Amino acid sequence: MQKTPFILGVAVGYVLGARAGRERYEQIKRSAATVWTSDVVEQKKAEALAVARTKAAPYVADRLADAARAAGQALRESGSSVKHLKAVPSETVEDRPTGTDA
């Protein structure tokens, strides 16, 4: 891949940006902030976060668990020694009784 078109594009962008000046930059920044905090965008961000929490997070957790199981199985089959590693408790923070340090 040639780097020349990319470098030329960066240089042109820099020159045009420099000519626009600080006032134009601040104007663009204010406009972007207004759009980013608009009700429509806030609603879409909340929807995306909800989807990430309800669909993506469990999927990722399942994939990580599968990978951990596969790695453990591979270690067991290879006969590698992992005696220096401590066991990780299977309970989560939510499973622990409240009011105790354990």
N, C-alpha and C. Protein backbone atom coordinates (compact mmCIF):
# COMPACT_ATOMS: atom_id res chain seq x y z
N MET A 1 0.84 -1.17 0.00
CA MET A 1 0.00 0.00 0.00
C MET A 1 0.89 1.24 0.00
N GLN A 2 0.54 2.19 -0.84
CA GLN A 2 1.34 3.40 -0.92
C GLN A 2 0.95 4.37 0.18
N LYS A 3 1.96 4.95 0.78
CA LYS A 3 1.73 5.90 1.86
C LYS A 3 1.58 7.33 1.33
N THR A 4 2.01 7.56 0.11
CA THR A 4 2.00 8.92 -0.43
C THR A 4 0.60 9.54 -0.45
N PRO A 5 -0.45 8.86 -0.96
CA PRO A 5 -1.78 9.49 -0.94
C PRO A 5 -2.26 9.80 0.48
N PHE A 6 -1.95 8.94 1.41
CA PHE A 6 -2.36 9.17 2.80
C PHE A 6 -1.65 10.40 3.37
N ILE A 7 -0.35 10.48 3.18
CA ILE A 7 0.42 11.61 3.69
C ILE A 7 -0.03 12.90 3.03
N LEU A 8 -0.30 12.84 1.73
CA LEU A 8 -0.79 14.01 1.02
C LEU A 8 -2.15 14.45 1.58
N GLY A 9 -3.03 13.51 1.87
CA GLY A 9 -4.33 13.82 2.45
C GLY A 9 -4.21 14.46 3.82
N VAL A 10 -3.30 13.94 4.64
CA VAL A 10 -3.07 14.52 5.96
C VAL A 10 -2.55 15.95 5.83
N ALA A 11 -1.62 16.15 4.91
CA ALA A 11 -1.06 17.49 4.72
C ALA A 11 -2.13 18.48 4.26
N VAL A 12 -2.96 18.06 3.30
CA VAL A 12 -4.03 18.94 2.81
C VAL A 12 -5.01 19.25 3.94
N GLY A 13 -5.38 18.25 4.69
CA GLY A 13 -6.28 18.45 5.81
C GLY A 13 -5.71 19.40 6.85
N TYR A 14 -4.43 19.27 7.10
CA TYR A 14 -3.78 20.16 8.07
C TYR A 14 -3.81 21.60 7.59
N VAL A 15 -3.45 21.80 6.31
CA VAL A 15 -3.42 23.16 5.76
C VAL A 15 -4.81 23.77 5.77
N LEU A 16 -5.81 23.02 5.33
CA LEU A 16 -7.16 23.55 5.31
C LEU A 16 -7.65 23.84 6.73
N GLY A 17 -7.32 22.98 7.66
CA GLY A 17 -7.70 23.20 9.04
C GLY A 17 -7.03 24.42 9.63
N ALA A 18 -5.77 24.60 9.28
CA ALA A 18 -5.04 25.76 9.79
C ALA A 18 -5.62 27.05 9.22
N ARG A 19 -6.05 27.02 7.97
CA ARG A 19 -6.64 28.20 7.35
C ARG A 19 -8.00 28.53 7.97
N ALA A 20 -8.72 27.49 8.36
CA ALA A 20 -10.04 27.73 8.94
C ALA A 20 -9.91 28.48 10.26
N GLY A 21 -8.85 28.22 10.98
CA GLY A 21 -8.59 28.95 12.21
C GLY A 21 -9.26 28.36 13.43
N ARG A 22 -8.89 28.91 14.55
CA ARG A 22 -9.37 28.44 15.84
C ARG A 22 -10.86 28.67 16.02
N GLU A 23 -11.38 29.80 15.50
CA GLU A 23 -12.81 30.09 15.66
C GLU A 23 -13.66 29.02 14.99
N ARG A 24 -13.26 28.63 13.81
CA ARG A 24 -14.03 27.59 13.09
C ARG A 24 -13.95 26.27 13.84
N TYR A 25 -12.77 25.95 14.36
CA TYR A 25 -12.61 24.73 15.14
C TYR A 25 -13.55 24.73 16.34
N GLU A 26 -13.58 25.84 17.06
CA GLU A 26 -14.46 25.94 18.23
C GLU A 26 -15.93 25.84 17.82
N GLN A 27 -16.28 26.41 16.67
CA GLN A 27 -17.66 26.33 16.18
C GLN A 27 -18.04 24.88 15.88
N ILE A 28 -17.16 24.18 15.21
CA ILE A 28 -17.41 22.77 14.89
C ILE A 28 -17.51 21.95 16.18
N LYS A 29 -16.64 22.24 17.13
CA LYS A 29 -16.64 21.54 18.42
C LYS A 29 -17.96 21.75 19.16
N ARG A 30 -18.45 23.01 19.17
CA ARG A 30 -19.73 23.30 19.84
C ARG A 30 -20.88 22.58 19.14
N SER A 31 -20.86 22.58 17.80
CA SER A 31 -21.91 21.89 17.05
C SER A 31 -21.92 20.40 17.34
N ALA A 32 -20.74 19.81 17.37
CA ALA A 32 -20.64 18.38 17.66
C ALA A 32 -21.14 18.08 19.07
N ALA A 33 -20.80 18.93 20.03
CA ALA A 33 -21.25 18.72 21.41
C ALA A 33 -22.77 18.85 21.50
N THR A 34 -23.34 19.80 20.75
CA THR A 34 -24.80 19.96 20.75
C THR A 34 -25.49 18.72 20.20
N VAL A 35 -24.95 18.19 19.11
CA VAL A 35 -25.53 16.98 18.52
C VAL A 35 -25.37 15.81 19.47
N TRP A 36 -24.18 15.65 20.05
CA TRP A 36 -23.88 14.51 20.91
C TRP A 36 -24.79 14.47 22.14
N THR A 37 -25.20 15.64 22.62
CA THR A 37 -26.04 15.68 23.81
C THR A 37 -27.52 15.90 23.49
N SER A 38 -27.87 15.82 22.22
CA SER A 38 -29.28 15.99 21.85
C SER A 38 -30.11 14.80 22.36
N ASP A 39 -31.41 15.01 22.49
CA ASP A 39 -32.30 13.96 23.01
C ASP A 39 -32.27 12.70 22.14
N VAL A 40 -32.27 12.90 20.82
CA VAL A 40 -32.29 11.75 19.91
C VAL A 40 -31.03 10.90 20.08
N VAL A 41 -29.87 11.57 20.12
CA VAL A 41 -28.61 10.84 20.26
C VAL A 41 -28.51 10.21 21.64
N GLU A 42 -28.95 10.91 22.68
CA GLU A 42 -28.94 10.33 24.03
C GLU A 42 -29.80 9.07 24.08
N GLN A 43 -30.95 9.09 23.41
CA GLN A 43 -31.83 7.92 23.39
C GLN A 43 -31.15 6.76 22.67
N LYS A 44 -30.51 7.06 21.54
CA LYS A 44 -29.82 6.00 20.78
C LYS A 44 -28.64 5.44 21.57
N LYS A 45 -27.94 6.30 22.30
CA LYS A 45 -26.82 5.82 23.14
C LYS A 45 -27.35 4.90 24.24
N ALA A 46 -28.47 5.26 24.84
CA ALA A 46 -29.06 4.43 25.89
C ALA A 46 -29.50 3.08 25.32
N GLU A 47 -30.10 3.10 24.12
CA GLU A 47 -30.52 1.85 23.48
C GLU A 47 -29.32 0.97 23.18
N ALA A 48 -28.25 1.56 22.67
CA ALA A 48 -27.05 0.80 22.35
C ALA A 48 -26.44 0.19 23.61
N LEU A 49 -26.44 0.95 24.70
CA LEU A 49 -25.91 0.43 25.96
C LEU A 49 -26.76 -0.73 26.47
N ALA A 50 -28.07 -0.61 26.34
CA ALA A 50 -28.96 -1.69 26.79
C ALA A 50 -28.72 -2.95 25.96
N VAL A 51 -28.55 -2.79 24.66
CA VAL A 51 -28.28 -3.96 23.81
C VAL A 51 -26.95 -4.58 24.19
N ALA A 52 -25.95 -3.74 24.44
CA ALA A 52 -24.64 -4.26 24.82
C ALA A 52 -24.72 -5.05 26.12
N ARG A 53 -25.51 -4.54 27.07
CA ARG A 53 -25.61 -5.23 28.36
C ARG A 53 -26.43 -6.51 28.27
N THR A 54 -27.50 -6.50 27.48
CA THR A 54 -28.38 -7.67 27.45
C THR A 54 -27.98 -8.73 26.44
N LYS A 55 -27.34 -8.31 25.36
CA LYS A 55 -27.00 -9.28 24.31
C LYS A 55 -25.51 -9.51 24.16
N ALA A 56 -24.74 -8.45 24.09
CA ALA A 56 -23.31 -8.60 23.82
C ALA A 56 -22.56 -9.15 25.02
N ALA A 57 -22.82 -8.63 26.21
CA ALA A 57 -22.07 -9.06 27.40
C ALA A 57 -22.23 -10.55 27.68
N PRO A 58 -23.46 -11.10 27.66
CA PRO A 58 -23.58 -12.55 27.89
C PRO A 58 -22.87 -13.37 26.80
N TYR A 59 -22.93 -12.90 25.58
CA TYR A 59 -22.26 -13.60 24.48
C TYR A 59 -20.75 -13.63 24.71
N VAL A 60 -20.19 -12.48 25.06
CA VAL A 60 -18.75 -12.40 25.31
C VAL A 60 -18.38 -13.26 26.51
N ALA A 61 -19.18 -13.23 27.55
CA ALA A 61 -18.90 -14.05 28.73
C ALA A 61 -18.91 -15.53 28.38
N ASP A 62 -19.88 -15.95 27.57
CA ASP A 62 -19.94 -17.35 27.14
C ASP A 62 -18.71 -17.73 26.32
N ARG A 63 -18.30 -16.84 25.43
CA ARG A 63 -17.12 -17.12 24.60
C ARG A 63 -15.86 -17.22 25.46
N LEU A 64 -15.73 -16.33 26.44
CA LEU A 64 -14.58 -16.39 27.34
C LEU A 64 -14.58 -17.67 28.16
N ALA A 65 -15.74 -18.07 28.63
CA ALA A 65 -15.84 -19.32 29.40
C ALA A 65 -15.46 -20.51 28.54
N ASP A 66 -15.94 -20.51 27.29
CA ASP A 66 -15.59 -21.60 26.37
C ASP A 66 -14.08 -21.64 26.13
N ALA A 67 -13.48 -20.48 25.94
CA ALA A 67 -12.03 -20.42 25.71
C ALA A 67 -11.27 -20.90 26.94
N ALA A 68 -11.73 -20.53 28.12
CA ALA A 68 -11.07 -20.98 29.35
C ALA A 68 -11.18 -22.48 29.51
N ARG A 69 -12.36 -23.03 29.21
CA ARG A 69 -12.53 -24.48 29.29
C ARG A 69 -11.61 -25.19 28.29
N ALA A 70 -11.52 -24.65 27.08
CA ALA A 70 -10.67 -25.26 26.06
C ALA A 70 -9.20 -25.20 26.47
N ALA A 71 -8.79 -24.07 27.05
CA ALA A 71 -7.41 -23.95 27.50
C ALA A 71 -7.13 -24.92 28.64
N GLY A 72 -8.06 -25.04 29.56
CA GLY A 72 -7.89 -25.99 30.66
C GLY A 72 -7.80 -27.42 30.17
N GLN A 73 -8.66 -27.75 29.22
CA GLN A 73 -8.63 -29.10 28.64
C GLN A 73 -7.31 -29.36 27.93
N ALA A 74 -6.82 -28.36 27.19
CA ALA A 74 -5.55 -28.52 26.50
C ALA A 74 -4.41 -28.71 27.49
N LEU A 75 -4.44 -27.98 28.59
CA LEU A 75 -3.40 -28.15 29.61
C LEU A 75 -3.47 -29.53 30.24
N ARG A 76 -4.70 -29.99 30.54
CA ARG A 76 -4.84 -31.33 31.12
C ARG A 76 -4.34 -32.40 30.16
N GLU A 77 -4.65 -32.25 28.88
CA GLU A 77 -4.24 -33.26 27.91
C GLU A 77 -2.73 -33.25 27.66
N SER A 78 -2.12 -32.06 27.79
CA SER A 78 -0.67 -31.98 27.55
C SER A 78 0.13 -32.43 28.76
N GLY A 79 -0.53 -32.54 29.91
CA GLY A 79 0.16 -32.98 31.11
C GLY A 79 0.97 -31.87 31.75
N SER A 80 0.75 -30.64 31.35
CA SER A 80 1.48 -29.51 31.93
C SER A 80 1.11 -29.35 33.40
N SER A 81 2.09 -28.94 34.17
CA SER A 81 1.86 -28.73 35.59
C SER A 81 1.53 -27.26 35.84
N VAL A 82 0.43 -27.03 36.52
CA VAL A 82 0.03 -25.68 36.89
C VAL A 82 -0.25 -25.63 38.39
N LYS A 83 0.59 -26.30 39.16
CA LYS A 83 0.38 -26.40 40.60
C LYS A 83 0.54 -25.04 41.29
N HIS A 84 1.31 -24.14 40.70
CA HIS A 84 1.55 -22.85 41.34
C HIS A 84 0.36 -21.90 41.21
N LEU A 85 -0.61 -22.22 40.40
CA LEU A 85 -1.78 -21.37 40.23
C LEU A 85 -2.82 -21.68 41.30
N LYS A 86 -3.48 -20.65 41.80
CA LYS A 86 -4.54 -20.84 42.78
C LYS A 86 -5.86 -21.05 42.06
N ALA A 87 -6.73 -21.80 42.68
CA ALA A 87 -8.06 -22.01 42.12
C ALA A 87 -8.87 -20.74 42.25
N VAL A 88 -9.66 -20.46 41.23
CA VAL A 88 -10.54 -19.29 41.25
C VAL A 88 -11.90 -19.74 41.73
N PRO A 89 -12.46 -19.09 42.76
CA PRO A 89 -13.78 -19.51 43.24
C PRO A 89 -14.83 -19.33 42.16
N SER A 90 -15.77 -20.24 42.13
CA SER A 90 -16.80 -20.20 41.09
C SER A 90 -17.91 -19.21 41.42
N GLU A 91 -18.00 -18.78 42.67
CA GLU A 91 -19.05 -17.85 43.03
C GLU A 91 -18.68 -16.44 42.57
N THR A 92 -19.67 -15.67 42.27
CA THR A 92 -19.44 -14.29 41.89
C THR A 92 -19.70 -13.40 43.09
N VAL A 93 -19.43 -12.12 42.94
CA VAL A 93 -19.66 -11.17 44.03
C VAL A 93 -21.13 -11.17 44.41
N GLU A 94 -22.02 -11.29 43.42
CA GLU A 94 -23.45 -11.28 43.70
C GLU A 94 -23.88 -12.51 44.49
N ASP A 95 -23.14 -13.63 44.37
CA ASP A 95 -23.50 -14.86 45.07
C ASP A 95 -23.10 -14.85 46.53
N ARG A 96 -22.19 -13.95 46.90
CA ARG A 96 -21.68 -13.93 48.27
C ARG A 96 -22.71 -13.34 49.20
N PRO A 97 -22.76 -13.84 50.44
CA PRO A 97 -23.69 -13.27 51.41
C PRO A 97 -23.32 -11.83 51.72
N THR A 98 -24.31 -11.02 51.93
CA THR A 98 -24.04 -9.61 52.25
C THR A 98 -23.62 -9.48 53.70
N GLY A 99 -22.82 -8.46 53.98
CA GLY A 99 -22.40 -8.21 55.35
C GLY A 99 -21.22 -9.01 55.80
N THR A 100 -20.58 -9.76 54.89
CA THR A 100 -19.40 -10.52 55.26
C THR A 100 -18.27 -10.13 54.34
N ASP A 101 -17.07 -10.42 54.77
CA ASP A 101 -15.88 -10.13 53.97
C ASP A 101 -15.56 -11.24 53.01
N ALA A 102 -16.17 -12.37 53.13
CA ALA A 102 -15.84 -13.54 52.29
C ALA A 102 -16.51 -13.47 50.96
